[in-house]
PDB file of N, CA and C in Angstrom:
ATOM      1  N   UNK A   1      38.417  -0.145  -9.511  1.00  0.00           N
ATOM      2  CA  UNK A   1      37.254  -0.069  -8.584  1.00  0.00           C
ATOM      3  C   UNK A   1      36.091   0.728  -9.182  1.00  0.00           C
ATOM      4  N   UNK A   2      36.331   1.462 -10.252  1.00  0.00           N
ATOM      5  CA  UNK A   2      35.244   2.332 -10.796  1.00  0.00           C
ATOM      6  C   UNK A   2      34.106   1.538 -11.313  1.00  0.00           C
ATOM      7  N   UNK A   3      34.364   0.465 -12.073  1.00  0.00           N
ATOM      8  CA  UNK A   3      33.285  -0.374 -12.630  1.00  0.00           C
ATOM      9  C   UNK A   3      32.440  -0.957 -11.532  1.00  0.00           C
ATOM     10  N   UNK A   4      33.054  -1.357 -10.425  1.00  0.00           N
ATOM     11  CA  UNK A   4      32.281  -1.909  -9.314  1.00  0.00           C
ATOM     12  C   UNK A   4      31.392  -0.846  -8.769  1.00  0.00           C
ATOM     13  N   UNK A   5      31.884   0.329  -8.602  1.00  0.00           N
ATOM     14  CA  UNK A   5      31.072   1.480  -8.103  1.00  0.00           C
ATOM     15  C   UNK A   5      29.885   1.750  -9.065  1.00  0.00           C
ATOM     16  N   UNK A   6      30.182   1.725 -10.396  1.00  0.00           N
ATOM     17  CA  UNK A   6      29.164   1.936 -11.338  1.00  0.00           C
ATOM     18  C   UNK A   6      28.038   0.853 -11.245  1.00  0.00           C
ATOM     19  N   UNK A   7      28.515  -0.367 -11.165  1.00  0.00           N
ATOM     20  CA  UNK A   7      27.538  -1.521 -11.109  1.00  0.00           C
ATOM     21  C   UNK A   7      26.638  -1.403  -9.834  1.00  0.00           C
ATOM     22  N   UNK A   8      27.329  -0.942  -8.733  1.00  0.00           N
ATOM     23  CA  UNK A   8      26.543  -0.839  -7.416  1.00  0.00           C
ATOM     24  C   UNK A   8      25.575   0.249  -7.564  1.00  0.00           C
ATOM     25  N   UNK A   9      25.970   1.435  -8.209  1.00  0.00           N
ATOM     26  CA  UNK A   9      25.032   2.515  -8.335  1.00  0.00           C
ATOM     27  C   UNK A   9      23.834   2.111  -9.230  1.00  0.00           C
ATOM     28  N   UNK A  10      24.088   1.356 -10.311  1.00  0.00           N
ATOM     29  CA  UNK A  10      23.123   0.926 -11.145  1.00  0.00           C
ATOM     30  C   UNK A  10      22.166  -0.012 -10.491  1.00  0.00           C
ATOM     31  N   UNK A  11      22.688  -1.005  -9.762  1.00  0.00           N
ATOM     32  CA  UNK A  11      21.861  -1.961  -9.069  1.00  0.00           C
ATOM     33  C   UNK A  11      21.046  -1.308  -7.928  1.00  0.00           C
ATOM     34  N   UNK A  12      21.616  -0.341  -7.231  1.00  0.00           N
ATOM     35  CA  UNK A  12      20.860   0.309  -6.215  1.00  0.00           C
ATOM     36  C   UNK A  12      19.730   1.240  -6.719  1.00  0.00           C
ATOM     37  N   UNK A  13      19.947   1.815  -7.912  1.00  0.00           N
ATOM     38  CA  UNK A  13      18.906   2.599  -8.518  1.00  0.00           C
ATOM     39  C   UNK A  13      17.763   1.713  -9.065  1.00  0.00           C
ATOM     40  N   UNK A  14      18.125   0.500  -9.486  1.00  0.00           N
ATOM     41  CA  UNK A  14      17.190  -0.453  -9.952  1.00  0.00           C
ATOM     42  C   UNK A  14      16.315  -0.938  -8.757  1.00  0.00           C
ATOM     43  N   UNK A  15      17.035  -1.160  -7.547  1.00  0.00           N
ATOM     44  CA  UNK A  15      16.340  -1.561  -6.388  1.00  0.00           C
ATOM     45  C   UNK A  15      15.342  -0.417  -5.969  1.00  0.00           C
ATOM     46  N   UNK A  16      15.748   0.786  -6.005  1.00  0.00           N
ATOM     47  CA  UNK A  16      14.939   1.925  -5.659  1.00  0.00           C
ATOM     48  C   UNK A  16      13.707   1.965  -6.579  1.00  0.00           C
ATOM     49  N   UNK A  17      13.812   1.855  -7.873  1.00  0.00           N
ATOM     50  CA  UNK A  17      12.758   1.823  -8.851  1.00  0.00           C
ATOM     51  C   UNK A  17      11.782   0.692  -8.549  1.00  0.00           C
ATOM     52  N   UNK A  18      12.325  -0.455  -8.237  1.00  0.00           N
ATOM     53  CA  UNK A  18      11.501  -1.664  -7.930  1.00  0.00           C
ATOM     54  C   UNK A  18      10.708  -1.385  -6.651  1.00  0.00           C
ATOM     55  N   UNK A  19      11.457  -0.880  -5.643  1.00  0.00           N
ATOM     56  CA  UNK A  19      10.763  -0.571  -4.449  1.00  0.00           C
ATOM     57  C   UNK A  19       9.650   0.458  -4.575  1.00  0.00           C
ATOM     58  N   UNK A  20       9.872   1.480  -5.277  1.00  0.00           N
ATOM     59  CA  UNK A  20       8.820   2.544  -5.544  1.00  0.00           C
ATOM     60  C   UNK A  20       7.640   1.937  -6.302  1.00  0.00           C
ATOM     61  N   UNK A  21       7.921   1.066  -7.257  1.00  0.00           N
ATOM     62  CA  UNK A  21       6.791   0.408  -7.988  1.00  0.00           C
ATOM     63  C   UNK A  21       6.021  -0.418  -7.043  1.00  0.00           C
ATOM     64  N   UNK A  22       6.767  -1.184  -6.162  1.00  0.00           N
ATOM     65  CA  UNK A  22       6.020  -2.071  -5.228  1.00  0.00           C
ATOM     66  C   UNK A  22       5.190  -1.267  -4.305  1.00  0.00           C
ATOM     67  N   UNK A  23       5.767  -0.153  -3.778  1.00  0.00           N
ATOM     68  CA  UNK A  23       5.027   0.614  -2.776  1.00  0.00           C
ATOM     69  C   UNK A  23       3.853   1.238  -3.367  1.00  0.00           C
ATOM     70  N   UNK A  24       3.833   1.513  -4.689  1.00  0.00           N
ATOM     71  CA  UNK A  24       2.729   2.073  -5.335  1.00  0.00           C
ATOM     72  C   UNK A  24       1.546   1.013  -5.311  1.00  0.00           C
ATOM     73  N   UNK A  25       1.934  -0.174  -5.680  1.00  0.00           N
ATOM     74  CA  UNK A  25       0.933  -1.251  -5.544  1.00  0.00           C
ATOM     75  C   UNK A  25       0.375  -1.443  -4.235  1.00  0.00           C
ATOM     76  N   UNK A  26       1.294  -1.354  -3.249  1.00  0.00           N
ATOM     77  CA  UNK A  26       0.877  -1.540  -1.801  1.00  0.00           C
ATOM     78  C   UNK A  26      -0.054  -0.467  -1.396  1.00  0.00           C
ATOM     79  N   UNK A  27       0.232   0.780  -1.842  1.00  0.00           N
ATOM     80  CA  UNK A  27      -0.667   1.921  -1.471  1.00  0.00           C
ATOM     81  C   UNK A  27      -2.023   1.716  -2.030  1.00  0.00           C
ATOM     82  N   UNK A  28      -2.119   1.202  -3.362  1.00  0.00           N
ATOM     83  CA  UNK A  28      -3.420   0.955  -3.973  1.00  0.00           C
ATOM     84  C   UNK A  28      -4.233  -0.110  -3.162  1.00  0.00           C
ATOM     85  N   UNK A  29      -3.489  -1.190  -2.814  1.00  0.00           N
ATOM     86  CA  UNK A  29      -4.107  -2.252  -2.087  1.00  0.00           C
ATOM     87  C   UNK A  29      -4.575  -1.764  -0.723  1.00  0.00           C
ATOM     88  N   UNK A  30      -3.738  -1.010  -0.067  1.00  0.00           N
ATOM     89  CA  UNK A  30      -4.109  -0.430   1.279  1.00  0.00           C
ATOM     90  C   UNK A  30      -5.319   0.523   1.169  1.00  0.00           C
ATOM     91  N   UNK A  31      -5.356   1.231   0.035  1.00  0.00           N
ATOM     92  CA  UNK A  31      -6.460   2.091  -0.161  1.00  0.00           C
ATOM     93  C   UNK A  31      -7.768   1.288  -0.310  1.00  0.00           C
ATOM     94  N   UNK A  32      -7.684   0.219  -1.067  1.00  0.00           N
ATOM     95  CA  UNK A  32      -8.798  -0.638  -1.237  1.00  0.00           C
ATOM     96  C   UNK A  32      -9.239  -1.272   0.086  1.00  0.00           C
ATOM     97  N   UNK A  33      -8.299  -1.697   0.849  1.00  0.00           N
ATOM     98  CA  UNK A  33      -8.526  -2.324   2.136  1.00  0.00           C
ATOM     99  C   UNK A  33      -9.284  -1.321   3.092  1.00  0.00           C
ATOM    100  N   UNK A  34      -8.729  -0.152   3.223  1.00  0.00           N
ATOM    101  CA  UNK A  34      -9.299   0.812   4.161  1.00  0.00           C
ATOM    102  C   UNK A  34     -10.722   1.289   3.642  1.00  0.00           C
ATOM    103  N   UNK A  35     -10.899   1.262   2.322  1.00  0.00           N
ATOM    104  CA  UNK A  35     -12.143   1.614   1.755  1.00  0.00           C
ATOM    105  C   UNK A  35     -13.254   0.631   2.169  1.00  0.00           C
ATOM    106  N   UNK A  36     -12.974  -0.716   2.050  1.00  0.00           N
ATOM    107  CA  UNK A  36     -13.870  -1.713   2.394  1.00  0.00           C
ATOM    108  C   UNK A  36     -14.058  -1.742   3.917  1.00  0.00           C
ATOM    109  N   UNK A  37     -12.983  -1.389   4.632  1.00  0.00           N
ATOM    110  CA  UNK A  37     -13.070  -1.279   6.139  1.00  0.00           C
ATOM    111  C   UNK A  37     -14.107  -0.194   6.505  1.00  0.00           C
ATOM    112  N   UNK A  38     -14.048   0.951   5.828  1.00  0.00           N
ATOM    113  CA  UNK A  38     -15.003   2.070   6.077  1.00  0.00           C
ATOM    114  C   UNK A  38     -16.439   1.552   5.791  1.00  0.00           C
ATOM    115  N   UNK A  39     -16.662   0.878   4.678  1.00  0.00           N
ATOM    116  CA  UNK A  39     -17.930   0.443   4.356  1.00  0.00           C
ATOM    117  C   UNK A  39     -18.429  -0.569   5.466  1.00  0.00           C
ATOM    118  N   UNK A  40     -17.524  -1.444   5.878  1.00  0.00           N
ATOM    119  CA  UNK A  40     -17.905  -2.416   6.951  1.00  0.00           C
ATOM    120  C   UNK A  40     -18.284  -1.725   8.197  1.00  0.00           C
ATOM    121  N   UNK A  41     -17.531  -0.730   8.607  1.00  0.00           N
ATOM    122  CA  UNK A  41     -17.773   0.053   9.814  1.00  0.00           C
ATOM    123  C   UNK A  41     -19.186   0.773   9.670  1.00  0.00           C
ATOM    124  N   UNK A  42     -19.403   1.331   8.516  1.00  0.00           N
ATOM    125  CA  UNK A  42     -20.764   2.026   8.329  1.00  0.00           C
ATOM    126  C   UNK A  42     -21.885   1.028   8.406  1.00  0.00           C
ATOM    127  N   UNK A  43     -21.806  -0.209   7.869  1.00  0.00           N
ATOM    128  CA  UNK A  43     -22.821  -1.241   7.911  1.00  0.00           C
ATOM    129  C   UNK A  43     -22.957  -1.577   9.381  1.00  0.00           C
ATOM    130  N   UNK A  44     -21.807  -1.704  10.109  1.00  0.00           N
ATOM    131  CA  UNK A  44     -21.886  -2.177  11.474  1.00  0.00           C
ATOM    132  C   UNK A  44     -22.578  -1.119  12.232  1.00  0.00           C
ATOM    133  N   UNK A  45     -22.337   0.149  12.100  1.00  0.00           N
ATOM    134  CA  UNK A  45     -23.078   1.239  12.850  1.00  0.00           C
ATOM    135  C   UNK A  45     -24.547   1.177  12.479  1.00  0.00           C
ATOM    136  N   UNK A  46     -24.860   1.082  11.220  1.00  0.00           N
ATOM    137  CA  UNK A  46     -26.335   1.023  10.832  1.00  0.00           C
ATOM    138  C   UNK A  46     -26.974  -0.135  11.467  1.00  0.00           C
ATOM    139  N   UNK A  47     -26.355  -1.282  11.552  1.00  0.00           N
ATOM    140  CA  UNK A  47     -26.972  -2.456  12.104  1.00  0.00           C
ATOM    141  C   UNK A  47     -27.118  -2.265  13.628  1.00  0.00           C
ATOM    142  N   UNK A  48     -26.147  -1.679  14.291  1.00  0.00           N
ATOM    143  CA  UNK A  48     -26.266  -1.527  15.766  1.00  0.00           C
ATOM    144  C   UNK A  48     -27.359  -0.439  16.058  1.00  0.00           C
ATOM    145  N   UNK A  49     -27.533   0.553  15.207  1.00  0.00           N
ATOM    146  CA  UNK A  49     -28.564   1.472  15.427  1.00  0.00           C
ATOM    147  C   UNK A  49     -29.984   0.828  15.337  1.00  0.00           C
ATOM    148  N   UNK A  50     -30.089  -0.087  14.332  1.00  0.00           N
ATOM    149  CA  UNK A  50     -31.362  -0.819  14.057  1.00  0.00           C
ATOM    150  C   UNK A  50     -31.659  -1.603  15.373  1.00  0.00           C
ATOM    151  N   UNK A  51     -30.646  -2.252  15.855  1.00  0.00           N
ATOM    152  CA  UNK A  51     -30.940  -3.137  17.089  1.00  0.00           C
ATOM    153  C   UNK A  51     -31.226  -2.342  18.299  1.00  0.00           C
ATOM    154  N   UNK A  52     -30.593  -1.208  18.480  1.00  0.00           N
ATOM    155  CA  UNK A  52     -30.849  -0.446  19.682  1.00  0.00           C
ATOM    156  C   UNK A  52     -32.209   0.202  19.651  1.00  0.00           C
ATOM    157  N   UNK A  53     -32.649   0.730  18.471  1.00  0.00           N
ATOM    158  CA  UNK A  53     -33.936   1.438  18.361  1.00  0.00           C
ATOM    159  C   UNK A  53     -35.103   0.463  18.662  1.00  0.00           C
TER     160      UNK A  53
END
């Protein structure tokens, strides 16, 4: 049973590494999305101020 346990440990650490790599990419994408969201909101505010004045 030891080699099965070793294989399981190896595959689970590979999964963890893959997951961490993926979440890094997701974080970058999320950052880019929230950044453009901020810019959009700023433009929206500026536009609404122009229309109200």
